[in-house]
N, C-alpha and C. Protein backbone atom coordinates (compact mmCIF):
# COMPACT_ATOMS: atom_id res chain seq x y z
N UNK A 1 87.45 90.57 71.43
CA UNK A 1 88.85 91.01 70.96
C UNK A 1 88.95 92.34 71.82
N UNK A 2 90.01 92.55 72.55
CA UNK A 2 90.23 93.76 73.42
C UNK A 2 90.03 95.21 72.63
N UNK A 3 90.61 95.19 71.46
CA UNK A 3 90.64 96.41 70.77
C UNK A 3 89.13 96.87 70.47
N UNK A 4 88.45 95.77 70.04
CA UNK A 4 87.02 96.12 69.63
C UNK A 4 86.33 96.59 70.75
N UNK A 5 86.50 95.93 71.79
CA UNK A 5 85.77 96.19 73.13
C UNK A 5 86.08 97.56 73.65
N UNK A 6 87.43 97.97 73.35
CA UNK A 6 87.99 99.28 73.87
C UNK A 6 87.18 100.34 73.02
N UNK A 7 86.74 100.02 72.00
CA UNK A 7 86.11 101.12 71.16
C UNK A 7 84.53 101.29 71.87
N UNK A 8 84.04 100.22 72.34
CA UNK A 8 82.94 100.35 73.20
C UNK A 8 83.05 101.20 74.22
N UNK A 9 84.14 101.00 74.94
CA UNK A 9 84.46 101.91 76.10
C UNK A 9 84.53 103.41 75.82
N UNK A 10 85.35 103.62 74.69
CA UNK A 10 85.27 104.97 74.28
C UNK A 10 84.02 105.64 73.95
N UNK A 11 83.20 104.73 73.36
CA UNK A 11 81.76 105.31 73.02
C UNK A 11 80.92 105.51 74.43
N UNK A 12 81.06 104.78 75.48
CA UNK A 12 80.54 104.97 76.67
C UNK A 12 80.98 106.17 77.39
N UNK A 13 82.22 106.41 77.28
CA UNK A 13 82.94 107.51 77.81
C UNK A 13 82.30 108.75 77.06
N UNK A 14 82.30 108.68 75.79
CA UNK A 14 81.73 109.89 75.01
C UNK A 14 80.22 110.38 75.32
N UNK A 15 79.56 109.21 75.52
CA UNK A 15 78.03 109.40 75.96
C UNK A 15 78.07 110.09 77.29
N UNK A 16 78.56 109.40 78.39
CA UNK A 16 78.89 110.03 79.74
C UNK A 16 79.28 111.46 79.59
N UNK A 17 80.34 111.75 78.81
CA UNK A 17 80.78 113.03 78.78
C UNK A 17 79.93 114.17 78.29
N UNK A 18 78.97 113.61 77.59
CA UNK A 18 78.00 114.51 77.18
C UNK A 18 76.72 114.91 77.94
N UNK A 19 76.72 114.30 79.19
CA UNK A 19 75.71 114.26 80.29
C UNK A 19 76.05 115.55 81.01
N UNK A 20 75.02 116.50 81.19
CA UNK A 20 75.49 117.76 81.99
C UNK A 20 75.79 117.47 83.35
N UNK A 21 75.38 116.34 84.03
CA UNK A 21 75.60 116.12 85.41
C UNK A 21 76.76 115.19 85.61
N UNK A 22 77.60 114.84 84.71
CA UNK A 22 78.82 113.95 84.63
C UNK A 22 80.07 114.96 84.44
N UNK A 23 80.91 114.73 85.51
CA UNK A 23 82.21 115.52 85.53
C UNK A 23 83.19 114.70 84.70
N UNK A 24 83.61 115.13 83.49
CA UNK A 24 84.33 114.48 82.47
C UNK A 24 85.71 114.03 83.08
N UNK A 25 86.09 114.84 84.01
CA UNK A 25 87.52 114.39 84.63
C UNK A 25 87.38 113.48 85.69
N UNK A 26 86.16 112.89 85.96
CA UNK A 26 86.03 111.75 86.93
C UNK A 26 85.42 110.51 86.45
N UNK A 27 85.67 110.20 85.30
CA UNK A 27 85.09 109.04 84.57
C UNK A 27 86.29 107.97 84.79
N UNK A 28 85.96 106.84 85.16
CA UNK A 28 86.80 105.66 85.30
C UNK A 28 86.19 104.41 84.69
N UNK A 29 87.08 103.41 84.61
CA UNK A 29 86.47 102.20 84.13
C UNK A 29 86.86 101.12 85.07
N UNK A 30 86.04 100.01 85.34
CA UNK A 30 86.17 98.86 86.04
C UNK A 30 85.81 97.95 85.21
N UNK A 31 86.64 96.67 85.30
CA UNK A 31 86.22 95.47 84.52
C UNK A 31 86.70 94.25 85.21
N UNK A 32 86.14 93.09 84.81
CA UNK A 32 86.42 91.78 85.42
C UNK A 32 86.88 90.83 84.22
N UNK A 33 87.94 90.02 84.48
CA UNK A 33 88.25 88.89 83.58
C UNK A 33 88.57 89.32 82.28
N UNK A 34 87.77 88.77 81.32
CA UNK A 34 88.09 89.10 79.90
C UNK A 34 87.90 90.48 79.35
N UNK A 35 87.07 91.35 80.13
CA UNK A 35 86.94 92.74 79.86
C UNK A 35 88.09 93.60 80.37
N UNK A 36 88.95 93.06 81.20
CA UNK A 36 90.10 93.66 81.63
C UNK A 36 90.97 94.31 80.50
N UNK A 37 91.42 93.40 79.70
CA UNK A 37 92.43 93.74 78.55
C UNK A 37 91.85 94.77 77.75
N UNK A 38 90.39 95.10 77.55
CA UNK A 38 89.86 96.09 76.86
C UNK A 38 89.97 97.34 77.36
N UNK A 39 90.00 97.49 78.72
CA UNK A 39 90.22 98.70 79.39
C UNK A 39 91.77 99.14 79.06
N UNK A 40 92.49 98.26 79.05
CA UNK A 40 93.94 98.62 79.06
C UNK A 40 94.40 99.13 77.60
N UNK A 41 93.48 98.28 76.69
CA UNK A 41 93.58 98.61 75.10
C UNK A 41 93.21 99.88 74.92
N UNK A 42 92.18 100.47 75.62
CA UNK A 42 91.74 101.77 75.48
C UNK A 42 92.78 102.77 75.74
N UNK A 43 93.84 102.50 76.73
CA UNK A 43 94.85 103.38 76.92
C UNK A 43 95.71 103.43 76.00
N UNK A 44 96.12 102.29 75.34
CA UNK A 44 97.08 102.21 74.38
C UNK A 44 96.76 102.63 73.03
N UNK A 45 95.62 102.99 72.77
CA UNK A 45 95.14 103.48 71.41
C UNK A 45 95.01 104.92 71.36
N UNK A 46 94.48 105.51 72.45
CA UNK A 46 94.29 106.83 72.57
C UNK A 46 94.88 107.52 73.78
N UNK A 47 94.71 108.68 73.87
CA UNK A 47 95.19 109.40 75.12
C UNK A 47 94.24 109.29 76.32
N UNK A 48 94.77 108.92 77.57
CA UNK A 48 93.93 108.45 78.72
C UNK A 48 92.44 108.80 78.61
N UNK A 49 91.70 107.86 78.14
CA UNK A 49 90.18 108.04 78.05
C UNK A 49 89.59 107.99 79.43
N UNK A 50 90.27 107.30 80.54
CA UNK A 50 89.47 107.26 81.78
C UNK A 50 90.56 107.72 82.87
N UNK A 51 89.95 108.32 83.66
CA UNK A 51 90.80 108.88 84.97
C UNK A 51 91.53 107.77 85.68
N UNK A 52 90.74 106.60 85.83
CA UNK A 52 91.42 105.41 86.48
C UNK A 52 90.84 104.24 85.79
N UNK A 53 91.56 103.13 85.98
CA UNK A 53 91.11 101.91 85.63
C UNK A 53 91.43 100.90 86.83
N UNK A 54 90.37 99.95 87.07
CA UNK A 54 90.43 98.89 88.11
C UNK A 54 90.20 97.77 87.28
N UNK A 55 91.07 96.63 87.44
CA UNK A 55 90.75 95.38 86.67
C UNK A 55 90.91 94.29 87.68
N UNK A 56 89.81 93.42 87.70
CA UNK A 56 89.81 92.27 88.67
C UNK A 56 90.21 91.07 87.72
N UNK A 57 91.19 90.36 88.09
CA UNK A 57 91.81 89.15 87.51
C UNK A 57 91.77 89.29 85.81
N UNK A 58 92.26 90.16 85.28
CA UNK A 58 92.45 90.22 83.86
C UNK A 58 93.48 89.63 83.25
N UNK A 59 93.25 89.01 82.12
CA UNK A 59 94.32 88.40 81.41
C UNK A 59 95.15 89.47 80.67
N UNK A 60 96.49 89.30 80.78
CA UNK A 60 97.38 90.21 80.25
C UNK A 60 98.31 89.58 79.26
N UNK A 61 98.15 89.83 77.95
CA UNK A 61 98.95 89.07 76.95
C UNK A 61 99.94 89.94 76.39
N UNK A 62 99.95 91.30 76.68
CA UNK A 62 101.08 92.20 76.11
C UNK A 62 101.65 92.95 77.34
N UNK A 63 102.98 93.35 76.97
CA UNK A 63 103.62 94.07 78.27
C UNK A 63 102.70 95.50 78.39
N UNK A 64 102.98 95.83 79.53
CA UNK A 64 102.25 97.23 80.01
C UNK A 64 103.10 98.42 79.47
N UNK A 65 102.99 98.87 78.19
CA UNK A 65 103.79 99.86 77.70
C UNK A 65 103.43 101.10 78.16
N UNK A 66 102.08 101.39 78.18
CA UNK A 66 101.55 102.69 78.47
C UNK A 66 101.74 102.77 80.04
N UNK A 67 102.46 103.88 80.48
CA UNK A 67 102.71 103.93 81.91
C UNK A 67 102.10 105.31 82.47
N UNK A 68 101.41 105.88 81.50
CA UNK A 68 100.68 107.18 81.94
C UNK A 68 99.24 106.94 82.31
N UNK A 69 98.93 106.00 83.28
CA UNK A 69 97.70 105.59 83.72
C UNK A 69 97.51 105.35 85.20
N UNK A 70 96.38 105.55 85.81
CA UNK A 70 96.27 105.09 87.12
C UNK A 70 95.40 103.66 86.97
N UNK A 71 96.16 102.79 87.43
CA UNK A 71 95.77 101.32 87.28
C UNK A 71 95.81 100.62 88.54
N UNK A 72 94.70 99.82 89.04
CA UNK A 72 94.79 98.91 89.99
C UNK A 72 94.23 97.53 89.50
N UNK A 73 95.16 96.57 89.59
CA UNK A 73 94.94 95.32 89.13
C UNK A 73 94.88 94.34 90.33
N UNK A 74 93.84 93.47 90.47
CA UNK A 74 93.60 92.60 91.56
C UNK A 74 93.52 91.26 90.93
N UNK A 75 94.50 90.30 91.36
CA UNK A 75 94.56 88.89 90.85
C UNK A 75 94.59 88.02 92.07
N UNK A 76 94.23 86.87 91.83
CA UNK A 76 94.46 85.90 92.88
C UNK A 76 95.73 84.88 92.52
N UNK A 77 96.48 84.55 93.52
CA UNK A 77 97.66 83.81 93.37
C UNK A 77 97.48 82.62 92.81
N UNK A 78 96.33 81.94 93.13
CA UNK A 78 96.18 80.43 92.44
C UNK A 78 95.32 80.47 91.13
N UNK A 79 95.10 81.78 90.56
CA UNK A 79 94.39 81.94 89.39
C UNK A 79 95.08 81.39 88.12
N UNK A 80 94.64 80.24 87.46
CA UNK A 80 95.36 79.66 86.52
C UNK A 80 94.81 80.14 85.21
N UNK A 81 93.76 80.82 85.17
CA UNK A 81 93.05 81.53 84.03
C UNK A 81 93.75 82.69 83.68
N UNK A 82 94.00 83.62 84.48
CA UNK A 82 94.69 84.94 84.40
C UNK A 82 95.76 84.96 85.47
N UNK A 83 96.86 84.15 85.20
CA UNK A 83 97.80 84.04 86.17
C UNK A 83 98.46 85.24 86.61
N UNK A 84 98.79 85.35 87.88
CA UNK A 84 99.57 86.71 88.17
C UNK A 84 100.85 86.92 87.68
N UNK A 85 101.55 85.65 87.47
CA UNK A 85 102.92 85.71 86.87
C UNK A 85 102.83 86.57 85.61
N UNK A 86 101.72 86.54 84.66
CA UNK A 86 101.68 87.34 83.44
C UNK A 86 101.69 88.72 83.71
N UNK A 87 101.13 89.20 84.93
CA UNK A 87 101.25 90.73 85.35
C UNK A 87 102.68 90.97 85.82
N UNK A 88 102.99 90.03 86.71
CA UNK A 88 104.42 90.40 87.35
C UNK A 88 105.46 90.53 86.19
N UNK A 89 105.56 89.85 85.15
CA UNK A 89 106.47 89.97 84.18
C UNK A 89 106.17 90.98 83.23
N UNK A 90 105.07 91.47 83.14
CA UNK A 90 104.66 92.54 82.09
C UNK A 90 104.34 93.94 82.77
N UNK A 91 104.82 94.00 83.88
CA UNK A 91 104.50 95.42 84.58
C UNK A 91 105.72 96.30 84.00
N UNK A 92 105.45 97.50 84.09
CA UNK A 92 106.43 98.44 83.51
C UNK A 92 107.73 98.33 84.43
N UNK A 93 108.84 98.39 83.61
CA UNK A 93 110.23 98.16 84.23
C UNK A 93 110.90 99.64 84.81
N UNK A 94 110.20 100.64 84.23
CA UNK A 94 110.53 101.92 84.86
C UNK A 94 109.45 102.47 85.70
N UNK A 95 109.75 103.42 86.58
CA UNK A 95 108.78 104.07 87.38
C UNK A 95 107.73 104.85 86.45
N UNK A 96 106.49 104.58 87.00
CA UNK A 96 105.43 105.21 86.22
C UNK A 96 105.02 106.67 86.72
N UNK A 97 104.59 107.58 85.75
CA UNK A 97 104.15 108.82 86.00
C UNK A 97 102.93 108.72 86.96
N UNK A 98 102.17 107.85 86.85
CA UNK A 98 100.96 107.59 87.64
C UNK A 98 101.05 106.32 88.63
N UNK A 99 99.98 106.04 89.25
CA UNK A 99 100.07 104.91 90.38
C UNK A 99 99.76 103.79 89.60
N UNK A 100 100.43 102.65 89.45
CA UNK A 100 100.14 101.33 88.83
C UNK A 100 100.36 100.37 90.11
N UNK A 101 99.30 99.86 90.41
CA UNK A 101 99.39 98.80 91.52
C UNK A 101 98.91 97.33 91.16
N UNK A 102 99.74 96.25 91.43
CA UNK A 102 99.36 94.90 91.15
C UNK A 102 99.15 94.38 92.40
N UNK A 103 97.98 93.87 92.89
CA UNK A 103 97.69 93.32 94.15
C UNK A 103 97.47 91.88 93.87
N UNK A 104 98.28 90.75 94.46
CA UNK A 104 98.19 89.47 94.31
C UNK A 104 97.73 88.88 95.75
N UNK A 105 96.51 88.26 95.68
CA UNK A 105 95.81 87.75 96.96
C UNK A 105 96.34 86.27 97.14
N UNK A 106 97.12 86.03 98.21
CA UNK A 106 97.59 84.76 98.58
C UNK A 106 96.39 83.75 98.59
N UNK A 107 96.63 82.64 98.13
CA UNK A 107 95.57 81.63 98.09
C UNK A 107 94.19 81.88 97.44
N UNK A 108 94.17 82.73 96.55
CA UNK A 108 92.82 83.16 95.81
C UNK A 108 93.04 82.67 94.46
N UNK A 109 91.71 82.48 94.02
CA UNK A 109 91.48 81.86 92.61
C UNK A 109 90.77 82.91 91.85
N UNK A 110 90.43 82.49 90.63
CA UNK A 110 89.72 83.44 89.74
C UNK A 110 88.23 83.64 90.18
N UNK A 111 87.74 84.64 90.21
CA UNK A 111 86.40 85.00 90.69
C UNK A 111 86.45 85.02 92.22
N UNK A 112 87.36 85.39 92.74
CA UNK A 112 87.60 85.63 94.30
C UNK A 112 86.59 86.45 94.89
N UNK A 113 86.00 87.31 94.09
CA UNK A 113 84.99 88.27 94.60
C UNK A 113 83.53 87.80 94.39
N UNK A 114 83.45 86.77 93.74
CA UNK A 114 82.06 86.27 93.37
C UNK A 114 81.36 85.43 94.35
N UNK A 115 80.80 86.12 95.43
CA UNK A 115 80.15 85.41 96.60
C UNK A 115 79.35 84.12 96.04
N UNK A 116 79.66 83.01 96.66
CA UNK A 116 78.84 81.84 96.27
C UNK A 116 79.45 80.94 95.25
N UNK A 117 80.65 81.54 94.53
CA UNK A 117 81.14 80.81 93.46
C UNK A 117 82.15 79.70 94.04
N UNK A 118 82.06 78.66 93.54
CA UNK A 118 82.89 77.44 93.90
C UNK A 118 82.63 76.35 93.00
N UNK A 119 83.24 76.47 91.79
CA UNK A 119 83.32 75.30 90.78
C UNK A 119 84.44 75.34 89.82
N UNK A 120 84.53 74.40 89.02
CA UNK A 120 85.48 74.14 87.96
C UNK A 120 84.71 74.61 86.74
N UNK A 121 85.35 75.38 85.78
CA UNK A 121 84.82 75.80 84.53
C UNK A 121 85.76 75.86 83.50
N UNK A 122 85.64 74.96 82.53
CA UNK A 122 86.59 75.18 81.46
C UNK A 122 87.98 74.61 81.90
N UNK A 123 88.07 73.76 82.82
CA UNK A 123 89.28 73.38 83.23
C UNK A 123 89.95 74.31 84.24
N UNK A 124 89.32 75.45 84.63
CA UNK A 124 89.70 76.42 85.69
C UNK A 124 89.03 76.28 86.92
N UNK A 125 89.71 76.66 88.03
CA UNK A 125 89.01 76.73 89.18
C UNK A 125 88.52 78.18 89.49
N UNK A 126 87.15 78.31 89.68
CA UNK A 126 86.50 79.60 90.27
C UNK A 126 86.12 79.33 91.64
N UNK A 127 86.57 80.22 92.51
CA UNK A 127 86.16 80.07 93.90
C UNK A 127 86.15 81.50 94.77
N UNK A 128 85.01 81.65 95.39
CA UNK A 128 85.02 82.85 96.23
C UNK A 128 86.09 82.71 97.45
N UNK A 129 86.66 84.00 97.55
CA UNK A 129 87.68 84.15 98.61
C UNK A 129 87.15 85.22 99.49
N UNK A 130 86.50 84.94 100.61
CA UNK A 130 86.05 85.96 101.47
C UNK A 130 87.09 87.20 101.89
N UNK A 131 88.27 86.71 102.30
CA UNK A 131 89.24 87.65 102.68
C UNK A 131 89.63 88.62 101.48
N UNK A 132 89.95 87.85 100.56
CA UNK A 132 90.36 88.65 99.17
C UNK A 132 89.42 89.56 98.67
N UNK A 133 87.94 89.10 98.66
CA UNK A 133 86.86 89.79 98.24
C UNK A 133 86.64 91.22 99.17
N UNK A 134 86.77 90.96 100.61
CA UNK A 134 86.63 92.07 101.37
C UNK A 134 87.80 93.15 101.10
N UNK A 135 88.90 92.49 101.03
CA UNK A 135 90.26 93.49 101.08
C UNK A 135 90.10 94.18 99.53
N UNK A 136 89.56 93.60 98.45
CA UNK A 136 89.52 94.31 97.28
C UNK A 136 88.42 95.36 97.41
N UNK A 137 87.48 95.23 98.01
CA UNK A 137 86.51 96.42 98.09
C UNK A 137 87.16 97.63 98.65
N UNK A 138 88.05 97.30 99.92
CA UNK A 138 88.64 98.48 100.66
C UNK A 138 89.64 98.97 99.46
N UNK A 139 90.37 98.21 98.97
CA UNK A 139 91.35 98.81 98.00
C UNK A 139 90.83 99.58 96.79
N UNK A 140 89.66 99.13 96.27
CA UNK A 140 88.93 99.86 95.29
C UNK A 140 88.55 101.23 95.62
N UNK A 141 87.98 101.11 97.00
CA UNK A 141 87.45 102.34 97.48
C UNK A 141 88.51 103.44 97.66
N UNK A 142 89.66 103.04 98.31
CA UNK A 142 90.69 103.93 98.53
C UNK A 142 91.42 104.51 97.26
N UNK A 143 91.50 103.50 96.33
CA UNK A 143 92.05 103.88 95.09
C UNK A 143 91.08 104.94 94.38
N UNK A 144 89.91 104.72 94.37
CA UNK A 144 89.06 105.67 93.64
C UNK A 144 89.04 107.03 94.47
N UNK A 145 89.00 107.00 95.70
CA UNK A 145 89.14 108.18 96.43
C UNK A 145 90.32 109.05 96.32
N UNK A 146 91.47 108.42 96.03
CA UNK A 146 92.76 109.06 95.82
C UNK A 146 92.58 109.72 94.44
N UNK A 147 92.04 109.17 93.43
CA UNK A 147 92.09 109.55 91.98
C UNK A 147 90.87 110.06 91.55
N UNK A 148 89.97 110.06 92.10
CA UNK A 148 88.66 110.70 91.63
C UNK A 148 87.98 111.38 92.76
N UNK A 149 88.75 112.41 93.21
CA UNK A 149 88.29 113.25 94.26
C UNK A 149 87.10 114.06 94.15
């Protein structure tokens, strides 16, 4: 359940914030697939727990109401497990105070960044996409550099 896992994220942030060598203003979260909604739920329950959130092919079951976040979502065009259409229809209708980016990779499936992945699982296609994987690394680095200087 995303809301329960969001509490785990909060606990992790609290722990990190207590460490002398961690800058509390530079804590972000990155999640893949089913963990993605948990990072978003953490924003919707409390004031911005993380400076940034990066989510690889997350399932989005609710409209993105909270627009005061820095969010990068990376999904494959052919992902039938976490379809990009769910994200496209649930993105904020109004301009965000922060940067919210949805990147859909043409021809990419779920697990496009999983080198060596090429199988069907639970009726869904999981397949590595080298071009999408390489681009996602660059986009994540650029996004984090902009928002976690």
